[in-house]
Amino acid sequence: MTVVSDAPGVAGIPRRILQTEGVVLLAAALAAYFAGLDEPWWLVPLLLFVPDVFMAGYAASSRVGAWTYNLAHSYPVPAMLGALALAADEPLWQGVALVWFAHIGMDRALGYGLKYGTGFQDTHLGRIGRA
């Protein structure tokens, strides 16, 4: 039996705008990393998918998984990390924050939004797998 979620999601032009914002965030974060920091390029591919480790919460439940995924895929934590790294003049951690933002932008551009507790595929950008 297939269960279809009633989780709301953005559609049409607003969804495309949000995805375009993701592309902009991805490009801006990577541009800031490469133009503004003297950190090695190989940190970008090394760190780019680290936030996806937070999907491990889904091993406990959809609710826990959504909470941990959303924690790693929303702006406040990398923003705080970046602000602290700027204040402490720590370019490595500034780079980590920028790559984290790039990851969030990449996910949004691909249609992977913040999760609802109903299941991994239910996001604020709509159900994964639907255009």
C-alpha atoms as a PDB file:
ATOM      1  CA  MET A   1       0.000   0.000   0.000  1.00  0.00           C
ATOM      2  CA  THR A   2       1.370   3.415  -0.984  1.00  0.00           C
ATOM      3  CA  VAL A   3       0.774   6.272   1.430  1.00  0.00           C
ATOM      4  CA  VAL A   4       0.645   9.732  -0.120  1.00  0.00           C
ATOM      5  CA  SER A   5       1.533  12.523   2.262  1.00  0.00           C
ATOM      6  CA  ASP A   6      -0.602  15.604   2.723  1.00  0.00           C
ATOM      7  CA  ALA A   7       2.501  17.645   3.599  1.00  0.00           C
ATOM      8  CA  PRO A   8       2.264  21.060   1.957  1.00  0.00           C
ATOM      9  CA  GLY A   9       4.830  22.175  -0.551  1.00  0.00           C
ATOM     10  CA  VAL A  10       5.568  25.118  -2.778  1.00  0.00           C
ATOM     11  CA  ALA A  11       4.768  24.689  -6.462  1.00  0.00           C
ATOM     12  CA  GLY A  12       5.033  26.510  -9.762  1.00  0.00           C
ATOM     13  CA  ILE A  13       6.842  29.830 -10.092  1.00  0.00           C
ATOM     14  CA  PRO A  14       7.463  30.257  -6.322  1.00  0.00           C
ATOM     15  CA  ARG A  15       9.195  26.845  -6.268  1.00  0.00           C
ATOM     16  CA  ARG A  16      11.385  27.835  -9.229  1.00  0.00           C
ATOM     17  CA  ILE A  17      12.265  31.107  -7.496  1.00  0.00           C
ATOM     18  CA  LEU A  18      13.288  29.231  -4.334  1.00  0.00           C
ATOM     19  CA  GLN A  19      15.377  26.829  -6.402  1.00  0.00           C
ATOM     20  CA  THR A  20      17.013  29.759  -8.194  1.00  0.00           C
ATOM     21  CA  GLU A  21      17.814  31.281  -4.799  1.00  0.00           C
ATOM     22  CA  GLY A  22      19.567  27.998  -4.023  1.00  0.00           C
ATOM     23  CA  VAL A  23      21.714  28.352  -7.155  1.00  0.00           C
ATOM     24  CA  VAL A  24      22.568  31.922  -6.120  1.00  0.00           C
ATOM     25  CA  LEU A  25      23.533  30.813  -2.604  1.00  0.00           C
ATOM     26  CA  LEU A  26      25.675  27.975  -3.978  1.00  0.00           C
ATOM     27  CA  ALA A  27      27.491  30.290  -6.402  1.00  0.00           C
ATOM     28  CA  ALA A  28      27.941  33.121  -3.883  1.00  0.00           C
ATOM     29  CA  ALA A  29      29.263  30.831  -1.154  1.00  0.00           C
ATOM     30  CA  LEU A  30      31.756  29.174  -3.500  1.00  0.00           C
ATOM     31  CA  ALA A  31      32.820  32.538  -4.940  1.00  0.00           C
ATOM     32  CA  ALA A  32      33.411  33.892  -1.435  1.00  0.00           C
ATOM     33  CA  TYR A  33      35.388  30.772  -0.525  1.00  0.00           C
ATOM     34  CA  PHE A  34      37.680  30.919  -3.545  1.00  0.00           C
ATOM     35  CA  ALA A  35      38.004  34.717  -3.802  1.00  0.00           C
ATOM     36  CA  GLY A  36      38.066  35.641  -0.138  1.00  0.00           C
ATOM     37  CA  LEU A  37      39.971  32.853   1.565  1.00  0.00           C
ATOM     38  CA  ASP A  38      43.335  31.262   1.070  1.00  0.00           C
ATOM     39  CA  GLU A  39      42.117  27.785   1.981  1.00  0.00           C
ATOM     40  CA  PRO A  40      42.820  24.703  -0.158  1.00  0.00           C
ATOM     41  CA  TRP A  41      40.358  23.922  -2.966  1.00  0.00           C
ATOM     42  CA  TRP A  42      40.141  20.267  -1.942  1.00  0.00           C
ATOM     43  CA  LEU A  43      38.295  21.208   1.259  1.00  0.00           C
ATOM     44  CA  VAL A  44      35.246  22.029  -0.856  1.00  0.00           C
ATOM     45  CA  PRO A  45      34.621  18.510  -2.212  1.00  0.00           C
ATOM     46  CA  LEU A  46      35.741  17.030   1.116  1.00  0.00           C
ATOM     47  CA  LEU A  47      33.195  19.045   3.125  1.00  0.00           C
ATOM     48  CA  LEU A  48      30.391  19.548   0.602  1.00  0.00           C
ATOM     49  CA  PHE A  49      28.355  16.505   1.624  1.00  0.00           C
ATOM     50  CA  VAL A  50      29.133  16.493   5.355  1.00  0.00           C
ATOM     51  CA  PRO A  51      25.732  18.034   6.277  1.00  0.00           C
ATOM     52  CA  ASP A  52      24.070  14.955   4.786  1.00  0.00           C
ATOM     53  CA  VAL A  53      25.483  12.902   7.668  1.00  0.00           C
ATOM     54  CA  PHE A  54      22.612  14.384   9.672  1.00  0.00           C
ATOM     55  CA  MET A  55      20.240  12.154   7.683  1.00  0.00           C
ATOM     56  CA  ALA A  56      21.329   9.443  10.107  1.00  0.00           C
ATOM     57  CA  GLY A  57      18.570  10.686  12.396  1.00  0.00           C
ATOM     58  CA  TYR A  58      16.137   8.882  10.115  1.00  0.00           C
ATOM     59  CA  ALA A  59      17.466   5.621  11.574  1.00  0.00           C
ATOM     60  CA  ALA A  60      15.637   6.571  14.786  1.00  0.00           C
ATOM     61  CA  SER A  61      12.402   7.858  13.223  1.00  0.00           C
ATOM     62  CA  SER A  62      11.052  10.211  10.583  1.00  0.00           C
ATOM     63  CA  ARG A  63      10.442  12.839  13.236  1.00  0.00           C
ATOM     64  CA  VAL A  64      13.999  12.680  14.630  1.00  0.00           C
ATOM     65  CA  GLY A  65      15.402  12.488  11.103  1.00  0.00           C
ATOM     66  CA  ALA A  66      13.510  15.583  10.009  1.00  0.00           C
ATOM     67  CA  TRP A  67      14.700  17.493  13.075  1.00  0.00           C
ATOM     68  CA  THR A  68      18.381  16.588  12.633  1.00  0.00           C
ATOM     69  CA  TYR A  69      18.280  17.078   8.847  1.00  0.00           C
ATOM     70  CA  ASN A  70      16.644  20.497   9.216  1.00  0.00           C
ATOM     71  CA  LEU A  71      19.206  21.519  11.838  1.00  0.00           C
ATOM     72  CA  ALA A  72      21.998  20.882   9.327  1.00  0.00           C
ATOM     73  CA  HIS A  73      20.119  22.259   6.315  1.00  0.00           C
ATOM     74  CA  SER A  74      18.946  25.636   7.553  1.00  0.00           C
ATOM     75  CA  TYR A  75      20.900  28.881   7.758  1.00  0.00           C
ATOM     76  CA  PRO A  76      21.262  29.680  11.499  1.00  0.00           C
ATOM     77  CA  VAL A  77      23.993  27.185  12.448  1.00  0.00           C
ATOM     78  CA  PRO A  78      26.395  27.906   9.565  1.00  0.00           C
ATOM     79  CA  ALA A  79      25.657  31.635  10.003  1.00  0.00           C
ATOM     80  CA  MET A  80      26.627  31.464  13.687  1.00  0.00           C
ATOM     81  CA  LEU A  81      29.720  29.434  12.813  1.00  0.00           C
ATOM     82  CA  GLY A  82      30.694  31.962  10.142  1.00  0.00           C
ATOM     83  CA  ALA A  83      30.136  34.925  12.452  1.00  0.00           C
ATOM     84  CA  LEU A  84      32.202  33.366  15.221  1.00  0.00           C
ATOM     85  CA  ALA A  85      34.924  32.437  12.719  1.00  0.00           C
ATOM     86  CA  LEU A  86      35.010  36.017  11.404  1.00  0.00           C
ATOM     87  CA  ALA A  87      35.188  37.444  14.929  1.00  0.00           C
ATOM     88  CA  ALA A  88      38.001  35.039  15.824  1.00  0.00           C
ATOM     89  CA  ASP A  89      39.769  35.565  12.485  1.00  0.00           C
ATOM     90  CA  GLU A  90      39.689  31.816  11.732  1.00  0.00           C
ATOM     91  CA  PRO A  91      39.733  31.425   7.940  1.00  0.00           C
ATOM     92  CA  LEU A  92      39.447  27.628   8.054  1.00  0.00           C
ATOM     93  CA  TRP A  93      36.167  27.819   9.965  1.00  0.00           C
ATOM     94  CA  GLN A  94      34.982  30.655   7.718  1.00  0.00           C
ATOM     95  CA  GLY A  95      35.558  28.246   4.838  1.00  0.00           C
ATOM     96  CA  VAL A  96      33.641  25.481   6.597  1.00  0.00           C
ATOM     97  CA  ALA A  97      30.693  27.849   7.036  1.00  0.00           C
ATOM     98  CA  LEU A  98      30.822  28.891   3.371  1.00  0.00           C
ATOM     99  CA  VAL A  99      30.928  25.289   2.150  1.00  0.00           C
ATOM    100  CA  TRP A 100      28.013  24.525   4.477  1.00  0.00           C
ATOM    101  CA  PHE A 101      26.042  27.377   2.887  1.00  0.00           C
ATOM    102  CA  ALA A 102      27.033  26.050  -0.549  1.00  0.00           C
ATOM    103  CA  HIS A 103      25.630  22.644   0.401  1.00  0.00           C
ATOM    104  CA  ILE A 104      22.328  24.173   1.502  1.00  0.00           C
ATOM    105  CA  GLY A 105      22.131  26.140  -1.748  1.00  0.00           C
ATOM    106  CA  MET A 106      22.909  23.030  -3.796  1.00  0.00           C
ATOM    107  CA  ASP A 107      20.193  21.054  -2.026  1.00  0.00           C
ATOM    108  CA  ARG A 108      17.622  23.821  -2.502  1.00  0.00           C
ATOM    109  CA  ALA A 109      18.533  24.132  -6.191  1.00  0.00           C
ATOM    110  CA  LEU A 110      17.943  20.393  -6.608  1.00  0.00           C
ATOM    111  CA  GLY A 111      14.581  20.575  -4.838  1.00  0.00           C
ATOM    112  CA  TYR A 112      15.631  19.102  -1.498  1.00  0.00           C
ATOM    113  CA  GLY A 113      13.919  21.313   1.020  1.00  0.00           C
ATOM    114  CA  LEU A 114      13.456  21.270   4.752  1.00  0.00           C
ATOM    115  CA  LYS A 115      11.787  18.067   5.888  1.00  0.00           C
ATOM    116  CA  TYR A 116       8.453  17.373   7.489  1.00  0.00           C
ATOM    117  CA  GLY A 117       8.225  14.637  10.105  1.00  0.00           C
ATOM    118  CA  THR A 118       6.077  12.516   7.808  1.00  0.00           C
ATOM    119  CA  GLY A 119       9.000  11.209   5.767  1.00  0.00           C
ATOM    120  CA  PHE A 120      12.241  12.132   4.052  1.00  0.00           C
ATOM    121  CA  GLN A 121      10.539  12.836   0.735  1.00  0.00           C
ATOM    122  CA  ASP A 122       8.155  15.425   2.238  1.00  0.00           C
ATOM    123  CA  THR A 123       9.789  18.868   2.043  1.00  0.00           C
ATOM    124  CA  HIS A 124       8.816  22.525   2.072  1.00  0.00           C
ATOM    125  CA  LEU A 125       9.637  22.568  -1.653  1.00  0.00           C
ATOM    126  CA  GLY A 126       7.192  19.744  -2.283  1.00  0.00           C
ATOM    127  CA  ARG A 127       7.491  15.996  -2.356  1.00  0.00           C
ATOM    128  CA  ILE A 128      10.846  14.770  -3.672  1.00  0.00           C
ATOM    129  CA  GLY A 129      10.336  13.113  -7.018  1.00  0.00           C
ATOM    130  CA  ARG A 130       7.607  15.461  -8.164  1.00  0.00           C
ATOM    131  CA  ALA A 131       8.424  18.371 -10.430  1.00  0.00           C
END
